[in-house]
Amino acid sequence: MIGKLCIAATLCAGMATAQSNQVAPPAKPLAFEVVSIRQNIAGGNVEKFGATPDGFRMVNMTLGRVILTAYVPQTGAAFYWEAVGSPDWMGRDRYDIEAKVAQDDLAEWQKPASQEKMLRAMLQSLLAERCKLVVHRALKDSKVYYLEIGKGGPKFGPKFKEAKEDEPDPAGQPKQFPSGGLVVPEGEELHFYRAPLTLLATFLTNRNMGGPEIQDRTGLTGRYDMVVEWGAWTGAADNTADLGPSMFSAVAPLGLKLELAKGQTETLILDHVERPSGN
């Protein structure tokens, strides 16, 4: 009897060991359940882009916008960037995209904290499947400006408030960025609504006219409402010049500063891309 019990125990132990040694299947990549892509030949001025309550919609825009949304810099720099190796048709041909998330993913999709990362992952899957997209990132050492919390430190706090997700958009203004950030020009001011600091870094970089890239190093990861004086900004003429003085004075009222540093800038390289396959 004891011998039988020992054999049974050995068999059970062997089964448990075999089960523990089994490799778990890889997690299924996030992807839209249904995707429709059609070239837009109607033209017109109607343009739409961004997440919907149950998926993603784009109307009358180029696929370049999709790529630059799916792949954002990891250096804390601009929210959008220029991809190297884009064929001419990518900046010319316009498409309509309608995509739906699976029912199992819907609850997580509708959480603001999850949606941005889910959207990027799902757009990457869409581009790989329908456009055979292959990309890689390249880094190079470069002169940059870090956007940081200003003199006095965090205890004095930035001079702008964290946004409330349930606040309505300004009248007549659509969401311009997939993260929910909205930028509205009013005279010589830019009004940012529910904007990450990376979005501010984007506008600083673009206005810097080819000068050093501005990268977010504030450590602030929320969404914010803020007003920036825009009209009088000056920028650098090249990568060896400093930012114009009005650039510094533009961020100072926000409780932020710009610090020159040796950093890295990032480029997205398109190794292969095709026109999207039909539905």
C-alpha atoms as a PDB file:
ATOM      1  CA  MET A   1       0.000   0.000   0.000  1.00  0.00           C
ATOM      2  CA  ILE A   2       2.805   2.358   0.914  1.00  0.00           C
ATOM      3  CA  GLY A   3       4.506   1.539  -2.368  1.00  0.00           C
ATOM      4  CA  LYS A   4       1.359   2.434  -4.307  1.00  0.00           C
ATOM      5  CA  LEU A   5       1.084   5.730  -2.439  1.00  0.00           C
ATOM      6  CA  CYS A   6       4.710   6.548  -3.227  1.00  0.00           C
ATOM      7  CA  ILE A   7       4.172   5.789  -6.919  1.00  0.00           C
ATOM      8  CA  ALA A   8       1.035   7.941  -6.983  1.00  0.00           C
ATOM      9  CA  ALA A   9       2.839  10.811  -5.238  1.00  0.00           C
ATOM     10  CA  THR A  10       5.734  10.549  -7.696  1.00  0.00           C
ATOM     11  CA  LEU A  11       3.357  10.650 -10.657  1.00  0.00           C
ATOM     12  CA  CYS A  12       1.526  13.686  -9.248  1.00  0.00           C
ATOM     13  CA  ALA A  13       4.825  15.459  -8.583  1.00  0.00           C
ATOM     14  CA  GLY A  14       5.978  14.679 -12.111  1.00  0.00           C
ATOM     15  CA  MET A  15       2.758  16.037 -13.600  1.00  0.00           C
ATOM     16  CA  ALA A  16       3.009  19.213 -11.519  1.00  0.00           C
ATOM     17  CA  THR A  17       6.627  19.715 -12.619  1.00  0.00           C
ATOM     18  CA  ALA A  18       5.697  19.187 -16.266  1.00  0.00           C
ATOM     19  CA  GLN A  19       2.855  21.681 -15.976  1.00  0.00           C
ATOM     20  CA  SER A  20       5.076  24.258 -14.272  1.00  0.00           C
ATOM     21  CA  ASN A  21       7.654  23.894 -17.041  1.00  0.00           C
ATOM     22  CA  GLN A  22       5.138  24.571 -19.777  1.00  0.00           C
ATOM     23  CA  VAL A  23       5.717  27.920 -21.512  1.00  0.00           C
ATOM     24  CA  ALA A  24       2.701  30.201 -21.375  1.00  0.00           C
ATOM     25  CA  PRO A  25       1.489  31.272 -24.816  1.00  0.00           C
ATOM     26  CA  PRO A  26       2.506  34.812 -25.754  1.00  0.00           C
ATOM     27  CA  ALA A  27      -0.026  37.538 -25.074  1.00  0.00           C
ATOM     28  CA  LYS A  28      -2.189  38.305 -28.052  1.00  0.00           C
ATOM     29  CA  PRO A  29      -1.219  41.671 -29.603  1.00  0.00           C
ATOM     30  CA  LEU A  30      -3.803  44.389 -29.172  1.00  0.00           C
ATOM     31  CA  ALA A  31      -5.691  44.888 -32.412  1.00  0.00           C
ATOM     32  CA  PHE A  32      -8.983  46.261 -33.678  1.00  0.00           C
ATOM     33  CA  GLU A  33     -11.571  43.580 -34.290  1.00  0.00           C
ATOM     34  CA  VAL A  34     -12.967  45.204 -37.453  1.00  0.00           C
ATOM     35  CA  VAL A  35     -11.140  47.627 -39.765  1.00  0.00           C
ATOM     36  CA  SER A  36     -12.342  49.381 -42.922  1.00  0.00           C
ATOM     37  CA  ILE A  37      -9.837  51.407 -45.010  1.00  0.00           C
ATOM     38  CA  ARG A  38     -10.913  53.181 -48.169  1.00  0.00           C
ATOM     39  CA  GLN A  39      -9.169  55.815 -50.241  1.00  0.00           C
ATOM     40  CA  ASN A  40     -11.032  59.112 -50.065  1.00  0.00           C
ATOM     41  CA  ILE A  41     -11.618  60.463 -53.556  1.00  0.00           C
ATOM     42  CA  ALA A  42     -14.405  62.877 -52.619  1.00  0.00           C
ATOM     43  CA  GLY A  43     -12.014  65.499 -51.267  1.00  0.00           C
ATOM     44  CA  GLY A  44     -13.434  68.520 -49.492  1.00  0.00           C
ATOM     45  CA  ASN A  45     -12.435  70.211 -46.268  1.00  0.00           C
ATOM     46  CA  VAL A  46     -13.961  67.733 -43.819  1.00  0.00           C
ATOM     47  CA  GLU A  47     -11.236  66.077 -41.750  1.00  0.00           C
ATOM     48  CA  LYS A  48     -11.636  63.900 -38.673  1.00  0.00           C
ATOM     49  CA  PHE A  49      -9.111  61.977 -36.659  1.00  0.00           C
ATOM     50  CA  GLY A  50      -9.149  60.277 -33.296  1.00  0.00           C
ATOM     51  CA  ALA A  51     -10.605  57.770 -30.884  1.00  0.00           C
ATOM     52  CA  THR A  52     -14.337  57.133 -30.672  1.00  0.00           C
ATOM     53  CA  PRO A  53     -16.262  55.518 -27.801  1.00  0.00           C
ATOM     54  CA  ASP A  54     -15.852  52.099 -29.456  1.00  0.00           C
ATOM     55  CA  GLY A  55     -12.876  52.470 -31.765  1.00  0.00           C
ATOM     56  CA  PHE A  56     -11.075  54.859 -34.095  1.00  0.00           C
ATOM     57  CA  ARG A  57     -12.136  57.030 -37.015  1.00  0.00           C
ATOM     58  CA  MET A  58     -10.223  58.985 -39.636  1.00  0.00           C
ATOM     59  CA  VAL A  59     -11.796  60.937 -42.489  1.00  0.00           C
ATOM     60  CA  ASN A  60      -9.969  62.491 -45.453  1.00  0.00           C
ATOM     61  CA  MET A  61      -6.454  62.403 -44.005  1.00  0.00           C
ATOM     62  CA  THR A  62      -3.144  60.826 -44.949  1.00  0.00           C
ATOM     63  CA  LEU A  63      -1.696  57.607 -43.525  1.00  0.00           C
ATOM     64  CA  GLY A  64       1.308  59.592 -42.355  1.00  0.00           C
ATOM     65  CA  ARG A  65      -0.877  60.930 -39.544  1.00  0.00           C
ATOM     66  CA  VAL A  66      -1.683  57.361 -38.485  1.00  0.00           C
ATOM     67  CA  ILE A  67       1.994  56.357 -38.432  1.00  0.00           C
ATOM     68  CA  LEU A  68       3.046  59.397 -36.420  1.00  0.00           C
ATOM     69  CA  THR A  69       0.288  58.649 -33.911  1.00  0.00           C
ATOM     70  CA  ALA A  70       1.128  54.957 -33.630  1.00  0.00           C
ATOM     71  CA  TYR A  71       4.850  55.654 -33.077  1.00  0.00           C
ATOM     72  CA  VAL A  72       5.729  58.577 -30.820  1.00  0.00           C
ATOM     73  CA  PRO A  73       9.247  59.443 -29.639  1.00  0.00           C
ATOM     74  CA  GLN A  74      10.461  57.714 -26.508  1.00  0.00           C
ATOM     75  CA  THR A  75      12.892  60.501 -25.598  1.00  0.00           C
ATOM     76  CA  GLY A  76      10.213  62.702 -24.028  1.00  0.00           C
ATOM     77  CA  ALA A  77      10.326  64.964 -27.047  1.00  0.00           C
ATOM     78  CA  ALA A  78       7.740  66.051 -29.565  1.00  0.00           C
ATOM     79  CA  PHE A  79       4.323  64.428 -29.634  1.00  0.00           C
ATOM     80  CA  TYR A  80       4.658  64.153 -33.405  1.00  0.00           C
ATOM     81  CA  TRP A  81       7.783  63.802 -35.483  1.00  0.00           C
ATOM     82  CA  GLU A  82       8.952  63.487 -39.065  1.00  0.00           C
ATOM     83  CA  ALA A  83       9.313  59.949 -40.398  1.00  0.00           C
ATOM     84  CA  VAL A  84      12.258  59.270 -42.718  1.00  0.00           C
ATOM     85  CA  GLY A  85      11.650  57.181 -45.820  1.00  0.00           C
ATOM     86  CA  SER A  86       8.002  58.080 -46.434  1.00  0.00           C
ATOM     87  CA  PRO A  87       6.980  57.550 -50.072  1.00  0.00           C
ATOM     88  CA  ASP A  88       5.346  60.451 -51.908  1.00  0.00           C
ATOM     89  CA  TRP A  89       1.887  58.884 -51.908  1.00  0.00           C
ATOM     90  CA  MET A  90       1.835  58.817 -48.112  1.00  0.00           C
ATOM     91  CA  GLY A  91       1.753  62.585 -47.916  1.00  0.00           C
ATOM     92  CA  ARG A  92      -0.632  62.903 -50.867  1.00  0.00           C
ATOM     93  CA  ASP A  93      -3.265  60.134 -50.856  1.00  0.00           C
ATOM     94  CA  ARG A  94      -6.099  60.521 -48.384  1.00  0.00           C
ATOM     95  CA  TYR A  95      -8.021  57.748 -46.683  1.00  0.00           C
ATOM     96  CA  ASP A  96     -11.032  57.045 -44.524  1.00  0.00           C
ATOM     97  CA  ILE A  97     -10.581  54.537 -41.692  1.00  0.00           C
ATOM     98  CA  GLU A  98     -13.278  53.084 -39.465  1.00  0.00           C
ATOM     99  CA  ALA A  99     -12.092  50.644 -36.787  1.00  0.00           C
ATOM    100  CA  LYS A 100     -13.888  48.935 -33.903  1.00  0.00           C
ATOM    101  CA  VAL A 101     -12.433  47.374 -30.762  1.00  0.00           C
ATOM    102  CA  ALA A 102     -13.516  43.910 -29.639  1.00  0.00           C
ATOM    103  CA  GLN A 103     -16.251  43.677 -27.033  1.00  0.00           C
ATOM    104  CA  ASP A 104     -13.768  42.138 -24.581  1.00  0.00           C
ATOM    105  CA  ASP A 105     -11.531  45.237 -24.861  1.00  0.00           C
ATOM    106  CA  LEU A 106     -14.306  47.841 -24.755  1.00  0.00           C
ATOM    107  CA  ALA A 107     -14.384  48.457 -20.989  1.00  0.00           C
ATOM    108  CA  GLU A 108     -10.617  49.043 -20.843  1.00  0.00           C
ATOM    109  CA  TRP A 109     -10.743  51.165 -24.023  1.00  0.00           C
ATOM    110  CA  GLN A 110     -13.212  53.557 -22.423  1.00  0.00           C
ATOM    111  CA  LYS A 111     -10.838  54.317 -19.540  1.00  0.00           C
ATOM    112  CA  PRO A 112      -8.946  57.555 -20.355  1.00  0.00           C
ATOM    113  CA  ALA A 113      -5.824  56.219 -18.620  1.00  0.00           C
ATOM    114  CA  SER A 114      -5.716  53.154 -20.903  1.00  0.00           C
ATOM    115  CA  GLN A 115      -6.983  54.415 -24.224  1.00  0.00           C
ATOM    116  CA  GLU A 116      -3.879  56.266 -25.422  1.00  0.00           C
ATOM    117  CA  LYS A 117      -1.571  53.238 -25.103  1.00  0.00           C
ATOM    118  CA  MET A 118      -4.232  50.908 -26.525  1.00  0.00           C
ATOM    119  CA  LEU A 119      -4.745  53.185 -29.524  1.00  0.00           C
ATOM    120  CA  ARG A 120      -1.025  53.225 -30.334  1.00  0.00           C
ATOM    121  CA  ALA A 121      -0.735  49.443 -30.063  1.00  0.00           C
ATOM    122  CA  MET A 122      -3.844  48.843 -32.175  1.00  0.00           C
ATOM    123  CA  LEU A 123      -2.737  51.306 -34.846  1.00  0.00           C
ATOM    124  CA  GLN A 124       0.641  49.554 -35.001  1.00  0.00           C
ATOM    125  CA  SER A 125      -1.135  46.218 -35.562  1.00  0.00           C
ATOM    126  CA  LEU A 126      -3.354  47.798 -38.218  1.00  0.00           C
ATOM    127  CA  LEU A 127      -0.380  49.258 -40.081  1.00  0.00           C
ATOM    128  CA  ALA A 128       1.593  46.005 -39.937  1.00  0.00           C
ATOM    129  CA  GLU A 129      -1.327  43.956 -41.255  1.00  0.00           C
ATOM    130  CA  ARG A 130      -2.798  46.284 -43.856  1.00  0.00           C
ATOM    131  CA  CYS A 131       0.276  48.275 -44.973  1.00  0.00           C
ATOM    132  CA  LYS A 132       3.070  45.760 -44.242  1.00  0.00           C
ATOM    133  CA  LEU A 133       4.758  48.528 -42.282  1.00  0.00           C
ATOM    134  CA  VAL A 134       8.235  47.902 -40.875  1.00  0.00           C
ATOM    135  CA  VAL A 135       9.981  50.645 -38.887  1.00  0.00           C
ATOM    136  CA  HIS A 136      12.895  51.169 -36.568  1.00  0.00           C
ATOM    137  CA  ARG A 137      14.076  54.015 -34.373  1.00  0.00           C
ATOM    138  CA  ALA A 138      17.466  55.746 -34.605  1.00  0.00           C
ATOM    139  CA  LEU A 139      19.061  57.842 -31.879  1.00  0.00           C
ATOM    140  CA  LYS A 140      21.837  60.394 -32.195  1.00  0.00           C
ATOM    141  CA  ASP A 141      23.639  62.598 -29.686  1.00  0.00           C
ATOM    142  CA  SER A 142      22.482  66.163 -30.017  1.00  0.00           C
ATOM    143  CA  LYS A 143      22.084  69.483 -28.304  1.00  0.00           C
ATOM    144  CA  VAL A 144      18.599  69.696 -26.752  1.00  0.00           C
ATOM    145  CA  TYR A 145      16.596  71.816 -24.350  1.00  0.00           C
ATOM    146  CA  TYR A 146      14.924  70.128 -21.397  1.00  0.00           C
ATOM    147  CA  LEU A 147      11.564  71.507 -20.329  1.00  0.00           C
ATOM    148  CA  GLU A 148      11.719  71.374 -16.517  1.00  0.00           C
ATOM    149  CA  ILE A 149       9.943  72.675 -13.429  1.00  0.00           C
ATOM    150  CA  GLY A 150      11.198  76.187 -12.769  1.00  0.00           C
ATOM    151  CA  LYS A 151      13.122  77.794  -9.954  1.00  0.00           C
ATOM    152  CA  GLY A 152      11.678  77.059  -6.533  1.00  0.00           C
ATOM    153  CA  GLY A 153      11.034  73.383  -7.198  1.00  0.00           C
ATOM    154  CA  PRO A 154       7.935  71.230  -7.155  1.00  0.00           C
ATOM    155  CA  LYS A 155       6.656  72.500  -3.759  1.00  0.00           C
ATOM    156  CA  PHE A 156       5.791  75.833  -5.375  1.00  0.00           C
ATOM    157  CA  GLY A 157       4.027  73.945  -8.134  1.00  0.00           C
ATOM    158  CA  PRO A 158       3.545  74.649 -11.833  1.00  0.00           C
ATOM    159  CA  LYS A 159       1.356  77.646 -12.644  1.00  0.00           C
ATOM    160  CA  PHE A 160      -1.362  75.711 -14.444  1.00  0.00           C
ATOM    161  CA  LYS A 161      -4.078  73.330 -13.353  1.00  0.00           C
ATOM    162  CA  GLU A 162      -4.694  69.669 -13.993  1.00  0.00           C
ATOM    163  CA  ALA A 163      -7.599  69.229 -16.381  1.00  0.00           C
ATOM    164  CA  LYS A 164     -10.855  67.461 -15.615  1.00  0.00           C
ATOM    165  CA  GLU A 165     -11.694  64.716 -18.083  1.00  0.00           C
ATOM    166  CA  ASP A 166     -15.413  65.452 -17.976  1.00  0.00           C
ATOM    167  CA  GLU A 167     -15.085  69.126 -18.930  1.00  0.00           C
ATOM    168  CA  PRO A 168     -16.636  69.895 -22.350  1.00  0.00           C
ATOM    169  CA  ASP A 169     -14.501  71.095 -25.235  1.00  0.00           C
ATOM    170  CA  PRO A 170     -14.632  74.809 -26.092  1.00  0.00           C
ATOM    171  CA  ALA A 171     -17.635  75.513 -28.310  1.00  0.00           C
ATOM    172  CA  GLY A 172     -17.132  74.345 -31.884  1.00  0.00           C
ATOM    173  CA  GLN A 173     -13.673  72.910 -31.283  1.00  0.00           C
ATOM    174  CA  PRO A 174     -12.948  69.268 -32.214  1.00  0.00           C
ATOM    175  CA  LYS A 175     -10.284  67.197 -30.465  1.00  0.00           C
ATOM    176  CA  GLN A 176      -7.063  67.647 -32.422  1.00  0.00           C
ATOM    177  CA  PHE A 177      -4.886  64.963 -30.868  1.00  0.00           C
ATOM    178  CA  PRO A 178      -5.576  61.305 -30.054  1.00  0.00           C
ATOM    179  CA  SER A 179      -4.604  61.806 -26.405  1.00  0.00           C
ATOM    180  CA  GLY A 180      -7.464  64.262 -26.030  1.00  0.00           C
ATOM    181  CA  GLY A 181      -5.203  67.329 -26.035  1.00  0.00           C
ATOM    182  CA  LEU A 182      -6.685  70.387 -27.689  1.00  0.00           C
ATOM    183  CA  VAL A 183      -4.898  73.585 -28.722  1.00  0.00           C
ATOM    184  CA  VAL A 184      -6.914  76.700 -29.574  1.00  0.00           C
ATOM    185  CA  PRO A 185      -5.196  79.888 -30.837  1.00  0.00           C
ATOM    186  CA  GLU A 186      -6.691  83.126 -29.554  1.00  0.00           C
ATOM    187  CA  GLY A 187      -4.848  86.210 -30.759  1.00  0.00           C
ATOM    188  CA  GLU A 188      -1.264  85.932 -29.551  1.00  0.00           C
ATOM    189  CA  GLU A 189      -2.116  83.202 -27.063  1.00  0.00           C
ATOM    190  CA  LEU A 190      -2.339  79.435 -27.335  1.00  0.00           C
ATOM    191  CA  HIS A 191      -4.889  77.805 -25.047  1.00  0.00           C
ATOM    192  CA  PHE A 192      -4.045  74.190 -24.213  1.00  0.00           C
ATOM    193  CA  TYR A 193      -6.858  71.969 -22.926  1.00  0.00           C
ATOM    194  CA  ARG A 194      -6.282  68.504 -21.398  1.00  0.00           C
ATOM    195  CA  ALA A 195      -2.780  68.573 -22.891  1.00  0.00           C
ATOM    196  CA  PRO A 196       0.252  66.487 -21.859  1.00  0.00           C
ATOM    197  CA  LEU A 197       3.501  68.389 -21.422  1.00  0.00           C
ATOM    198  CA  THR A 198       4.896  66.530 -24.448  1.00  0.00           C
ATOM    199  CA  LEU A 199       2.380  68.462 -26.539  1.00  0.00           C
ATOM    200  CA  LEU A 200       3.736  71.755 -25.242  1.00  0.00           C
ATOM    201  CA  ALA A 201       7.237  70.490 -26.090  1.00  0.00           C
ATOM    202  CA  THR A 202       6.032  69.848 -29.637  1.00  0.00           C
ATOM    203  CA  PHE A 203       4.871  73.416 -30.129  1.00  0.00           C
ATOM    204  CA  LEU A 204       8.059  74.769 -28.598  1.00  0.00           C
ATOM    205  CA  THR A 205      10.152  72.600 -30.933  1.00  0.00           C
ATOM    206  CA  ASN A 206       8.167  73.573 -34.025  1.00  0.00           C
ATOM    207  CA  ARG A 207       8.381  77.272 -33.194  1.00  0.00           C
ATOM    208  CA  ASN A 208      12.110  76.943 -32.614  1.00  0.00           C
ATOM    209  CA  MET A 209      12.597  76.909 -36.400  1.00  0.00           C
ATOM    210  CA  GLY A 210      15.156  74.127 -36.752  1.00  0.00           C
ATOM    211  CA  GLY A 211      16.927  74.819 -33.488  1.00  0.00           C
ATOM    212  CA  PRO A 212      17.487  72.322 -30.680  1.00  0.00           C
ATOM    213  CA  GLU A 213      14.645  69.965 -29.904  1.00  0.00           C
ATOM    214  CA  ILE A 214      12.692  70.592 -26.693  1.00  0.00           C
ATOM    215  CA  GLN A 215      12.113  67.489 -24.541  1.00  0.00           C
ATOM    216  CA  ASP A 216       9.782  67.160 -21.584  1.00  0.00           C
ATOM    217  CA  ARG A 217      11.663  66.464 -18.351  1.00  0.00           C
ATOM    218  CA  THR A 218       9.125  67.887 -15.915  1.00  0.00           C
ATOM    219  CA  GLY A 219       8.067  64.497 -14.571  1.00  0.00           C
ATOM    220  CA  LEU A 220       4.446  65.650 -14.846  1.00  0.00           C
ATOM    221  CA  THR A 221       2.420  62.911 -16.512  1.00  0.00           C
ATOM    222  CA  GLY A 222      -1.123  64.281 -16.293  1.00  0.00           C
ATOM    223  CA  ARG A 223      -3.241  66.382 -18.647  1.00  0.00           C
ATOM    224  CA  TYR A 224      -3.323  70.122 -18.090  1.00  0.00           C
ATOM    225  CA  ASP A 225      -5.059  73.369 -19.037  1.00  0.00           C
ATOM    226  CA  MET A 226      -2.668  76.261 -19.678  1.00  0.00           C
ATOM    227  CA  VAL A 227      -2.246  79.471 -21.659  1.00  0.00           C
ATOM    228  CA  VAL A 228       0.988  80.307 -23.491  1.00  0.00           C
ATOM    229  CA  GLU A 229       1.966  83.656 -24.989  1.00  0.00           C
ATOM    230  CA  TRP A 230       2.685  82.724 -28.600  1.00  0.00           C
ATOM    231  CA  GLY A 231       2.906  85.734 -30.887  1.00  0.00           C
ATOM    232  CA  ALA A 232       6.256  87.198 -29.869  1.00  0.00           C
ATOM    233  CA  TRP A 233       8.313  84.020 -29.760  1.00  0.00           C
ATOM    234  CA  THR A 234      11.632  83.897 -31.554  1.00  0.00           C
ATOM    235  CA  GLY A 235      13.570  80.763 -32.339  1.00  0.00           C
ATOM    236  CA  ALA A 236      17.038  79.523 -33.134  1.00  0.00           C
ATOM    237  CA  ALA A 237      18.366  79.684 -36.662  1.00  0.00           C
ATOM    238  CA  ASP A 238      20.360  76.470 -36.399  1.00  0.00           C
ATOM    239  CA  ASN A 239      21.414  73.738 -33.986  1.00  0.00           C
ATOM    240  CA  THR A 240      24.274  75.794 -32.555  1.00  0.00           C
ATOM    241  CA  ALA A 241      22.188  78.840 -31.666  1.00  0.00           C
ATOM    242  CA  ASP A 242      20.325  79.311 -28.408  1.00  0.00           C
ATOM    243  CA  LEU A 243      16.626  79.857 -28.071  1.00  0.00           C
ATOM    244  CA  GLY A 244      15.455  83.426 -28.397  1.00  0.00           C
ATOM    245  CA  PRO A 245      14.796  85.214 -25.084  1.00  0.00           C
ATOM    246  CA  SER A 246      11.036  85.304 -25.616  1.00  0.00           C
ATOM    247  CA  MET A 247      10.987  81.480 -25.676  1.00  0.00           C
ATOM    248  CA  PHE A 248      12.238  81.458 -22.097  1.00  0.00           C
ATOM    249  CA  SER A 249       9.794  84.165 -21.030  1.00  0.00           C
ATOM    250  CA  ALA A 250       6.932  82.237 -22.648  1.00  0.00           C
ATOM    251  CA  VAL A 251       7.360  79.196 -20.357  1.00  0.00           C
ATOM    252  CA  ALA A 252       8.359  81.106 -17.195  1.00  0.00           C
ATOM    253  CA  PRO A 253       4.771  82.196 -16.349  1.00  0.00           C
ATOM    254  CA  LEU A 254       3.847  78.495 -16.345  1.00  0.00           C
ATOM    255  CA  GLY A 255       6.413  77.790 -13.614  1.00  0.00           C
ATOM    256  CA  LEU A 256       8.654  76.036 -16.131  1.00  0.00           C
ATOM    257  CA  LYS A 257      12.130  76.615 -17.529  1.00  0.00           C
ATOM    258  CA  LEU A 258      14.313  75.509 -20.449  1.00  0.00           C
ATOM    259  CA  GLU A 259      17.754  74.094 -19.728  1.00  0.00           C
ATOM    260  CA  LEU A 260      20.362  73.481 -22.409  1.00  0.00           C
ATOM    261  CA  ALA A 261      21.732  69.930 -22.291  1.00  0.00           C
ATOM    262  CA  LYS A 262      23.541  67.212 -24.203  1.00  0.00           C
ATOM    263  CA  GLY A 263      20.888  64.647 -25.008  1.00  0.00           C
ATOM    264  CA  GLN A 264      19.619  62.414 -27.772  1.00  0.00           C
ATOM    265  CA  THR A 265      17.153  63.038 -30.548  1.00  0.00           C
ATOM    266  CA  GLU A 266      15.135  60.274 -32.114  1.00  0.00           C
ATOM    267  CA  THR A 267      14.167  59.579 -35.714  1.00  0.00           C
ATOM    268  CA  LEU A 268      11.581  57.126 -37.014  1.00  0.00           C
ATOM    269  CA  ILE A 269      12.839  55.223 -40.068  1.00  0.00           C
ATOM    270  CA  LEU A 270      10.313  53.594 -42.418  1.00  0.00           C
ATOM    271  CA  ASP A 271      11.987  50.441 -43.736  1.00  0.00           C
ATOM    272  CA  HIS A 272       8.975  49.226 -45.713  1.00  0.00           C
ATOM    273  CA  VAL A 273       5.413  50.383 -46.304  1.00  0.00           C
ATOM    274  CA  GLU A 274       2.740  49.604 -48.899  1.00  0.00           C
ATOM    275  CA  ARG A 275      -0.561  51.174 -49.809  1.00  0.00           C
ATOM    276  CA  PRO A 276      -3.227  49.670 -47.553  1.00  0.00           C
ATOM    277  CA  SER A 277      -4.821  46.448 -48.715  1.00  0.00           C
ATOM    278  CA  GLY A 278      -8.492  46.568 -49.677  1.00  0.00           C
ATOM    279  CA  ASN A 279     -11.333  45.525 -47.409  1.00  0.00           C
END
